[in-house]
Amino acid sequence: AIYHNEIYAGNYNVDDTIIRRFDGVQWHPVV
């Protein structure tokens, strides 16, 4: 999803970070 001009990604149960945010350079854990 696009939220506040950034891309958010929901992940399959691959690790303990289930939602990430991309700031245009790198991904950051959100939830």
PDB file of all heavy atoms in Angstrom:
ATOM      1  N   ALA A   1       0.855  -1.189   0.000  1.00  0.00           N
ATOM      2  CA  ALA A   1       0.000   0.000   0.000  1.00  0.00           C
ATOM      3  C   ALA A   1       0.890   1.238   0.000  1.00  0.00           C
ATOM      4  O   ALA A   1       2.009   1.208   0.518  1.00  0.00           O
ATOM      5  CB  ALA A   1      -0.910   0.026   1.221  1.00  0.00           C
ATOM      6  N   ILE A   2       0.386   2.317  -0.577  1.00  0.00           N
ATOM      7  CA  ILE A   2       1.053   3.615  -0.521  1.00  0.00           C
ATOM      8  C   ILE A   2       0.361   4.416   0.578  1.00  0.00           C
ATOM      9  O   ILE A   2      -0.859   4.574   0.579  1.00  0.00           O
ATOM     10  CB  ILE A   2       0.931   4.365  -1.862  1.00  0.00           C
ATOM     11  CG1 ILE A   2       1.436   3.520  -3.025  1.00  0.00           C
ATOM     12  CG2 ILE A   2       1.655   5.713  -1.774  1.00  0.00           C
ATOM     13  CD1 ILE A   2       2.907   3.237  -3.023  1.00  0.00           C
ATOM     14  N   TYR A   3       1.165   4.906   1.526  1.00  0.00           N
ATOM     15  CA  TYR A   3       0.629   5.664   2.656  1.00  0.00           C
ATOM     16  C   TYR A   3       1.599   6.794   2.959  1.00  0.00           C
ATOM     17  O   TYR A   3       2.793   6.542   3.152  1.00  0.00           O
ATOM     18  CB  TYR A   3       0.455   4.726   3.850  1.00  0.00           C
ATOM     19  CG  TYR A   3      -0.058   5.369   5.120  1.00  0.00           C
ATOM     20  CD1 TYR A   3      -1.281   6.006   5.156  1.00  0.00           C
ATOM     21  CD2 TYR A   3       0.693   5.311   6.282  1.00  0.00           C
ATOM     22  CE1 TYR A   3      -1.759   6.574   6.328  1.00  0.00           C
ATOM     23  CE2 TYR A   3       0.226   5.873   7.465  1.00  0.00           C
ATOM     24  CZ  TYR A   3      -0.998   6.509   7.475  1.00  0.00           C
ATOM     25  OH  TYR A   3      -1.466   7.071   8.630  1.00  0.00           O
ATOM     26  N   HIS A   4       1.112   8.023   2.973  1.00  0.00           N
ATOM     27  CA  HIS A   4       1.941   9.214   3.189  1.00  0.00           C
ATOM     28  C   HIS A   4       3.150   9.216   2.260  1.00  0.00           C
ATOM     29  O   HIS A   4       4.282   9.478   2.689  1.00  0.00           O
ATOM     30  CB  HIS A   4       2.367   9.334   4.649  1.00  0.00           C
ATOM     31  CG  HIS A   4       1.222   9.656   5.543  1.00  0.00           C
ATOM     32  ND1 HIS A   4       1.347   9.703   6.897  1.00  0.00           N
ATOM     33  CD2 HIS A   4      -0.085   9.945   5.305  1.00  0.00           C
ATOM     34  CE1 HIS A   4       0.177  10.004   7.450  1.00  0.00           C
ATOM     35  NE2 HIS A   4      -0.706  10.150   6.488  1.00  0.00           N
ATOM     36  N   ASN A   5       2.907   8.899   0.994  1.00  0.00           N
ATOM     37  CA  ASN A   5       3.907   8.927  -0.077  1.00  0.00           C
ATOM     38  C   ASN A   5       5.051   7.942   0.108  1.00  0.00           C
ATOM     39  O   ASN A   5       6.129   8.133  -0.452  1.00  0.00           O
ATOM     40  CB  ASN A   5       4.456  10.340  -0.278  1.00  0.00           C
ATOM     41  CG  ASN A   5       3.360  11.328  -0.614  1.00  0.00           C
ATOM     42  OD1 ASN A   5       2.397  10.978  -1.301  1.00  0.00           O
ATOM     43  ND2 ASN A   5       3.469  12.532  -0.114  1.00  0.00           N
ATOM     44  N   GLU A   6       4.840   6.913   0.891  1.00  0.00           N
ATOM     45  CA  GLU A   6       5.837   5.847   1.048  1.00  0.00           C
ATOM     46  C   GLU A   6       5.148   4.509   0.815  1.00  0.00           C
ATOM     47  O   GLU A   6       3.942   4.377   1.014  1.00  0.00           O
ATOM     48  CB  GLU A   6       6.470   5.884   2.440  1.00  0.00           C
ATOM     49  CG  GLU A   6       7.277   7.147   2.674  1.00  0.00           C
ATOM     50  CD  GLU A   6       7.910   7.189   4.050  1.00  0.00           C
ATOM     51  OE1 GLU A   6       7.236   6.843   5.033  1.00  0.00           O
ATOM     52  OE2 GLU A   6       9.079   7.585   4.127  1.00  0.00           O
ATOM     53  N   ILE A   7       5.927   3.524   0.409  1.00  0.00           N
ATOM     54  CA  ILE A   7       5.380   2.199   0.169  1.00  0.00           C
ATOM     55  C   ILE A   7       5.492   1.379   1.453  1.00  0.00           C
ATOM     56  O   ILE A   7       6.510   1.407   2.142  1.00  0.00           O
ATOM     57  CB  ILE A   7       6.097   1.487  -1.010  1.00  0.00           C
ATOM     58  CG1 ILE A   7       5.418   0.169  -1.357  1.00  0.00           C
ATOM     59  CG2 ILE A   7       7.562   1.281  -0.757  1.00  0.00           C
ATOM     60  CD1 ILE A   7       4.207   0.295  -2.173  1.00  0.00           C
ATOM     61  N   TYR A   8       4.405   0.693   1.786  1.00  0.00           N
ATOM     62  CA  TYR A   8       4.364  -0.199   2.943  1.00  0.00           C
ATOM     63  C   TYR A   8       4.161  -1.617   2.425  1.00  0.00           C
ATOM     64  O   TYR A   8       3.382  -1.832   1.497  1.00  0.00           O
ATOM     65  CB  TYR A   8       3.234   0.172   3.893  1.00  0.00           C
ATOM     66  CG  TYR A   8       3.550   1.386   4.733  1.00  0.00           C
ATOM     67  CD1 TYR A   8       3.540   2.659   4.178  1.00  0.00           C
ATOM     68  CD2 TYR A   8       3.874   1.258   6.071  1.00  0.00           C
ATOM     69  CE1 TYR A   8       3.835   3.773   4.938  1.00  0.00           C
ATOM     70  CE2 TYR A   8       4.176   2.366   6.843  1.00  0.00           C
ATOM     71  CZ  TYR A   8       4.156   3.611   6.271  1.00  0.00           C
ATOM     72  OH  TYR A   8       4.462   4.717   7.026  1.00  0.00           O
ATOM     73  N   ALA A   9       4.869  -2.552   3.016  1.00  0.00           N
ATOM     74  CA  ALA A   9       4.773  -3.955   2.599  1.00  0.00           C
ATOM     75  C   ALA A   9       4.439  -4.831   3.791  1.00  0.00           C
ATOM     76  O   ALA A   9       5.072  -4.740   4.841  1.00  0.00           O
ATOM     77  CB  ALA A   9       6.097  -4.418   1.991  1.00  0.00           C
ATOM     78  N   GLY A  10       3.424  -5.652   3.608  1.00  0.00           N
ATOM     79  CA  GLY A  10       3.109  -6.687   4.579  1.00  0.00           C
ATOM     80  C   GLY A  10       3.847  -7.944   4.173  1.00  0.00           C
ATOM     81  O   GLY A  10       3.964  -8.254   2.984  1.00  0.00           O
ATOM     82  N   ASN A  11       4.381  -8.655   5.133  1.00  0.00           N
ATOM     83  CA  ASN A  11       5.199  -9.827   4.841  1.00  0.00           C
ATOM     84  C   ASN A  11       4.510 -11.110   5.266  1.00  0.00           C
ATOM     85  O   ASN A  11       3.693 -11.121   6.177  1.00  0.00           O
ATOM     86  CB  ASN A  11       6.548  -9.727   5.563  1.00  0.00           C
ATOM     87  CG  ASN A  11       7.367  -8.557   5.091  1.00  0.00           C
ATOM     88  OD1 ASN A  11       7.504  -8.337   3.906  1.00  0.00           O
ATOM     89  ND2 ASN A  11       7.891  -7.788   6.021  1.00  0.00           N
ATOM     90  N   TYR A  12       4.894 -12.189   4.569  1.00  0.00           N
ATOM     91  CA  TYR A  12       4.532 -13.515   5.049  1.00  0.00           C
ATOM     92  C   TYR A  12       5.334 -13.769   6.314  1.00  0.00           C
ATOM     93  O   TYR A  12       6.304 -13.072   6.600  1.00  0.00           O
ATOM     94  CB  TYR A  12       4.867 -14.586   3.995  1.00  0.00           C
ATOM     95  CG  TYR A  12       3.889 -14.616   2.861  1.00  0.00           C
ATOM     96  CD1 TYR A  12       4.219 -14.089   1.632  1.00  0.00           C
ATOM     97  CD2 TYR A  12       2.627 -15.164   3.034  1.00  0.00           C
ATOM     98  CE1 TYR A  12       3.315 -14.114   0.587  1.00  0.00           C
ATOM     99  CE2 TYR A  12       1.718 -15.191   1.997  1.00  0.00           C
ATOM    100  CZ  TYR A  12       2.070 -14.669   0.769  1.00  0.00           C
ATOM    101  OH  TYR A  12       1.175 -14.692  -0.249  1.00  0.00           O
ATOM    102  N   ASN A  13       4.980 -14.758   7.069  1.00  0.00           N
ATOM    103  CA  ASN A  13       5.610 -14.995   8.370  1.00  0.00           C
ATOM    104  C   ASN A  13       7.054 -15.480   8.229  1.00  0.00           C
ATOM    105  O   ASN A  13       7.393 -16.571   8.596  1.00  0.00           O
ATOM    106  CB  ASN A  13       4.791 -15.980   9.189  1.00  0.00           C
ATOM    107  CG  ASN A  13       4.546 -17.276   8.447  1.00  0.00           C
ATOM    108  OD1 ASN A  13       4.941 -17.425   7.303  1.00  0.00           O
ATOM    109  ND2 ASN A  13       3.912 -18.214   9.097  1.00  0.00           N
ATOM    110  N   VAL A  14       7.921 -14.572   7.721  1.00  0.00           N
ATOM    111  CA  VAL A  14       9.323 -14.923   7.516  1.00  0.00           C
ATOM    112  C   VAL A  14      10.224 -14.491   8.661  1.00  0.00           C
ATOM    113  O   VAL A  14      11.304 -15.031   8.829  1.00  0.00           O
ATOM    114  CB  VAL A  14       9.856 -14.336   6.193  1.00  0.00           C
ATOM    115  CG1 VAL A  14       9.162 -14.995   5.021  1.00  0.00           C
ATOM    116  CG2 VAL A  14       9.676 -12.838   6.141  1.00  0.00           C
ATOM    117  N   ASP A  15       9.835 -13.490   9.395  1.00  0.00           N
ATOM    118  CA  ASP A  15      10.630 -13.048  10.544  1.00  0.00           C
ATOM    119  C   ASP A  15       9.707 -12.309  11.506  1.00  0.00           C
ATOM    120  O   ASP A  15       8.501 -12.394  11.391  1.00  0.00           O
ATOM    121  CB  ASP A  15      11.831 -12.192  10.104  1.00  0.00           C
ATOM    122  CG  ASP A  15      11.430 -10.924   9.371  1.00  0.00           C
ATOM    123  OD1 ASP A  15      10.280 -10.461   9.519  1.00  0.00           O
ATOM    124  OD2 ASP A  15      12.260 -10.385   8.639  1.00  0.00           O
ATOM    125  N   ASP A  16      10.267 -11.567  12.411  1.00  0.00           N
ATOM    126  CA  ASP A  16       9.427 -10.888  13.397  1.00  0.00           C
ATOM    127  C   ASP A  16       8.971  -9.495  12.977  1.00  0.00           C
ATOM    128  O   ASP A  16       8.269  -8.837  13.717  1.00  0.00           O
ATOM    129  CB  ASP A  16      10.172 -10.798  14.734  1.00  0.00           C
ATOM    130  CG  ASP A  16      10.230 -12.143  15.426  1.00  0.00           C
ATOM    131  OD1 ASP A  16       9.340 -12.981  15.159  1.00  0.00           O
ATOM    132  OD2 ASP A  16      11.145 -12.367  16.219  1.00  0.00           O
ATOM    133  N   THR A  17       9.378  -9.015  11.801  1.00  0.00           N
ATOM    134  CA  THR A  17       8.888  -7.739  11.289  1.00  0.00           C
ATOM    135  C   THR A  17       7.824  -8.042  10.259  1.00  0.00           C
ATOM    136  O   THR A  17       8.110  -8.596   9.211  1.00  0.00           O
ATOM    137  CB  THR A  17      10.019  -6.912  10.662  1.00  0.00           C
ATOM    138  OG1 THR A  17      11.023  -6.694  11.649  1.00  0.00           O
ATOM    139  CG2 THR A  17       9.506  -5.578  10.173  1.00  0.00           C
ATOM    140  N   ILE A  18       6.583  -7.693  10.558  1.00  0.00           N
ATOM    141  CA  ILE A  18       5.492  -8.083   9.668  1.00  0.00           C
ATOM    142  C   ILE A  18       5.034  -6.961   8.747  1.00  0.00           C
ATOM    143  O   ILE A  18       4.401  -7.215   7.747  1.00  0.00           O
ATOM    144  CB  ILE A  18       4.313  -8.658  10.466  1.00  0.00           C
ATOM    145  CG1 ILE A  18       3.795  -7.652  11.478  1.00  0.00           C
ATOM    146  CG2 ILE A  18       4.713  -9.950  11.142  1.00  0.00           C
ATOM    147  CD1 ILE A  18       2.535  -8.090  12.192  1.00  0.00           C
ATOM    148  N   ILE A  19       5.371  -5.706   9.062  1.00  0.00           N
ATOM    149  CA  ILE A  19       5.107  -4.592   8.151  1.00  0.00           C
ATOM    150  C   ILE A  19       6.376  -3.752   8.066  1.00  0.00           C
ATOM    151  O   ILE A  19       6.974  -3.407   9.081  1.00  0.00           O
ATOM    152  CB  ILE A  19       3.916  -3.724   8.613  1.00  0.00           C
ATOM    153  CG1 ILE A  19       2.640  -4.562   8.676  1.00  0.00           C
ATOM    154  CG2 ILE A  19       3.733  -2.536   7.665  1.00  0.00           C
ATOM    155  CD1 ILE A  19       1.428  -3.806   9.189  1.00  0.00           C
ATOM    156  N   ARG A  20       6.760  -3.442   6.822  1.00  0.00           N
ATOM    157  CA  ARG A  20       7.942  -2.612   6.576  1.00  0.00           C
ATOM    158  C   ARG A  20       7.539  -1.379   5.776  1.00  0.00           C
ATOM    159  O   ARG A  20       6.572  -1.404   5.037  1.00  0.00           O
ATOM    160  CB  ARG A  20       8.986  -3.397   5.775  1.00  0.00           C
ATOM    161  CG  ARG A  20       9.501  -4.615   6.471  1.00  0.00           C
ATOM    162  CD  ARG A  20      10.483  -5.383   5.562  1.00  0.00           C
ATOM    163  NE  ARG A  20      10.791  -6.679   6.099  1.00  0.00           N
ATOM    164  CZ  ARG A  20      11.681  -6.927   7.039  1.00  0.00           C
ATOM    165  NH1 ARG A  20      12.370  -5.939   7.548  1.00  0.00           N
ATOM    166  NH2 ARG A  20      11.889  -8.144   7.471  1.00  0.00           N
ATOM    167  N   ARG A  21       8.342  -0.315   5.913  1.00  0.00           N
ATOM    168  CA  ARG A  21       8.126   0.946   5.197  1.00  0.00           C
ATOM    169  C   ARG A  21       9.372   1.261   4.385  1.00  0.00           C
ATOM    170  O   ARG A  21      10.486   1.163   4.891  1.00  0.00           O
ATOM    171  CB  ARG A  21       7.853   2.063   6.209  1.00  0.00           C
ATOM    172  CG  ARG A  21       7.723   3.446   5.618  1.00  0.00           C
ATOM    173  CD  ARG A  21       7.551   4.498   6.703  1.00  0.00           C
ATOM    174  NE  ARG A  21       8.644   4.511   7.660  1.00  0.00           N
ATOM    175  CZ  ARG A  21       9.807   5.150   7.499  1.00  0.00           C
ATOM    176  NH1 ARG A  21      10.051   5.815   6.394  1.00  0.00           N
ATOM    177  NH2 ARG A  21      10.726   5.114   8.434  1.00  0.00           N
ATOM    178  N   PHE A  22       9.182   1.636   3.102  1.00  0.00           N
ATOM    179  CA  PHE A  22      10.307   1.984   2.242  1.00  0.00           C
ATOM    180  C   PHE A  22      10.342   3.489   2.064  1.00  0.00           C
ATOM    181  O   PHE A  22       9.359   4.098   1.621  1.00  0.00           O
ATOM    182  CB  PHE A  22      10.156   1.293   0.879  1.00  0.00           C
ATOM    183  CG  PHE A  22      11.342   1.444  -0.016  1.00  0.00           C
ATOM    184  CD1 PHE A  22      12.568   0.910   0.339  1.00  0.00           C
ATOM    185  CD2 PHE A  22      11.227   2.103  -1.224  1.00  0.00           C
ATOM    186  CE1 PHE A  22      13.666   1.033  -0.491  1.00  0.00           C
ATOM    187  CE2 PHE A  22      12.315   2.229  -2.066  1.00  0.00           C
ATOM    188  CZ  PHE A  22      13.535   1.690  -1.697  1.00  0.00           C
ATOM    189  N   ASP A  23      11.445   4.133   2.429  1.00  0.00           N
ATOM    190  CA  ASP A  23      11.553   5.584   2.354  1.00  0.00           C
ATOM    191  C   ASP A  23      12.158   6.076   1.046  1.00  0.00           C
ATOM    192  O   ASP A  23      12.468   7.243   0.906  1.00  0.00           O
ATOM    193  CB  ASP A  23      12.358   6.116   3.541  1.00  0.00           C
ATOM    194  CG  ASP A  23      13.808   5.652   3.537  1.00  0.00           C
ATOM    195  OD1 ASP A  23      14.277   5.048   2.547  1.00  0.00           O
ATOM    196  OD2 ASP A  23      14.497   5.896   4.556  1.00  0.00           O
ATOM    197  N   GLY A  24      12.308   5.178   0.086  1.00  0.00           N
ATOM    198  CA  GLY A  24      12.930   5.522  -1.189  1.00  0.00           C
ATOM    199  C   GLY A  24      14.365   5.087  -1.278  1.00  0.00           C
ATOM    200  O   GLY A  24      14.945   5.031  -2.362  1.00  0.00           O
ATOM    201  N   VAL A  25      14.959   4.773  -0.132  1.00  0.00           N
ATOM    202  CA  VAL A  25      16.347   4.316  -0.085  1.00  0.00           C
ATOM    203  C   VAL A  25      16.451   2.945   0.572  1.00  0.00           C
ATOM    204  O   VAL A  25      17.098   2.046   0.057  1.00  0.00           O
ATOM    205  CB  VAL A  25      17.244   5.333   0.678  1.00  0.00           C
ATOM    206  CG1 VAL A  25      18.674   4.832   0.767  1.00  0.00           C
ATOM    207  CG2 VAL A  25      17.182   6.689  -0.003  1.00  0.00           C
ATOM    208  N   GLN A  26      15.805   2.803   1.718  1.00  0.00           N
ATOM    209  CA  GLN A  26      15.878   1.526   2.426  1.00  0.00           C
ATOM    210  C   GLN A  26      14.565   1.227   3.142  1.00  0.00           C
ATOM    211  O   GLN A  26      13.727   2.090   3.315  1.00  0.00           O
ATOM    212  CB  GLN A  26      17.035   1.504   3.409  1.00  0.00           C
ATOM    213  CG  GLN A  26      16.900   2.490   4.555  1.00  0.00           C
ATOM    214  CD  GLN A  26      18.130   2.501   5.438  1.00  0.00           C
ATOM    215  OE1 GLN A  26      19.189   2.041   5.049  1.00  0.00           O
ATOM    216  NE2 GLN A  26      17.988   3.032   6.627  1.00  0.00           N
ATOM    217  N   TRP A  27      14.431  -0.048   3.544  1.00  0.00           N
ATOM    218  CA  TRP A  27      13.251  -0.510   4.268  1.00  0.00           C
ATOM    219  C   TRP A  27      13.465  -0.376   5.762  1.00  0.00           C
ATOM    220  O   TRP A  27      14.571  -0.585   6.260  1.00  0.00           O
ATOM    221  CB  TRP A  27      12.969  -1.981   3.934  1.00  0.00           C
ATOM    222  CG  TRP A  27      12.458  -2.169   2.547  1.00  0.00           C
ATOM    223  CD1 TRP A  27      13.204  -2.420   1.428  1.00  0.00           C
ATOM    224  CD2 TRP A  27      11.110  -2.096   2.130  1.00  0.00           C
ATOM    225  NE1 TRP A  27      12.387  -2.521   0.338  1.00  0.00           N
ATOM    226  CE2 TRP A  27      11.098  -2.337   0.734  1.00  0.00           C
ATOM    227  CE3 TRP A  27       9.911  -1.879   2.782  1.00  0.00           C
ATOM    228  CZ2 TRP A  27       9.924  -2.349  -0.013  1.00  0.00           C
ATOM    229  CZ3 TRP A  27       8.738  -1.890   2.041  1.00  0.00           C
ATOM    230  CH2 TRP A  27       8.750  -2.123   0.660  1.00  0.00           C
ATOM    231  N   HIS A  28      12.388  -0.016   6.475  1.00  0.00           N
ATOM    232  CA  HIS A  28      12.420   0.123   7.930  1.00  0.00           C
ATOM    233  C   HIS A  28      11.290  -0.707   8.535  1.00  0.00           C
ATOM    234  O   HIS A  28      10.186  -0.716   8.006  1.00  0.00           O
ATOM    235  CB  HIS A  28      12.207   1.587   8.330  1.00  0.00           C
ATOM    236  CG  HIS A  28      13.177   2.527   7.718  1.00  0.00           C
ATOM    237  ND1 HIS A  28      14.431   2.733   8.217  1.00  0.00           N
ATOM    238  CD2 HIS A  28      13.073   3.299   6.606  1.00  0.00           C
ATOM    239  CE1 HIS A  28      15.066   3.611   7.461  1.00  0.00           C
ATOM    240  NE2 HIS A  28      14.274   3.967   6.478  1.00  0.00           N
ATOM    241  N   PRO A  29      11.543  -1.369   9.661  1.00  0.00           N
ATOM    242  CA  PRO A  29      10.453  -2.086  10.333  1.00  0.00           C
ATOM    243  C   PRO A  29       9.433  -1.090  10.880  1.00  0.00           C
ATOM    244  O   PRO A  29       9.797  -0.042  11.390  1.00  0.00           O
ATOM    245  CB  PRO A  29      11.147  -2.842  11.459  1.00  0.00           C
ATOM    246  CG  PRO A  29      12.472  -2.192  11.632  1.00  0.00           C
ATOM    247  CD  PRO A  29      12.813  -1.501  10.357  1.00  0.00           C
ATOM    248  N   VAL A  30       8.153  -1.428  10.746  1.00  0.00           N
ATOM    249  CA  VAL A  30       7.080  -0.578  11.257  1.00  0.00           C
ATOM    250  C   VAL A  30       6.345  -1.299  12.375  1.00  0.00           C
ATOM    251  O   VAL A  30       6.142  -0.751  13.443  1.00  0.00           O
ATOM    252  CB  VAL A  30       6.093  -0.202  10.135  1.00  0.00           C
ATOM    253  CG1 VAL A  30       4.902   0.567  10.699  1.00  0.00           C
ATOM    254  CG2 VAL A  30       6.793   0.626   9.076  1.00  0.00           C
ATOM    255  N   VAL A  31       5.926  -2.504  12.106  1.00  0.00           N
ATOM    256  CA  VAL A  31       5.240  -3.303  13.109  1.00  0.00           C
ATOM    257  C   VAL A  31       6.043  -4.567  13.323  1.00  0.00           C
ATOM    258  O   VAL A  31       6.312  -5.311  12.391  1.00  0.00           O
ATOM    259  CB  VAL A  31       3.799  -3.669  12.675  1.00  0.00           C
ATOM    260  CG1 VAL A  31       3.163  -4.606  13.683  1.00  0.00           C
ATOM    261  CG2 VAL A  31       2.965  -2.408  12.509  1.00  0.00           C
TER     262      VAL A  31
END
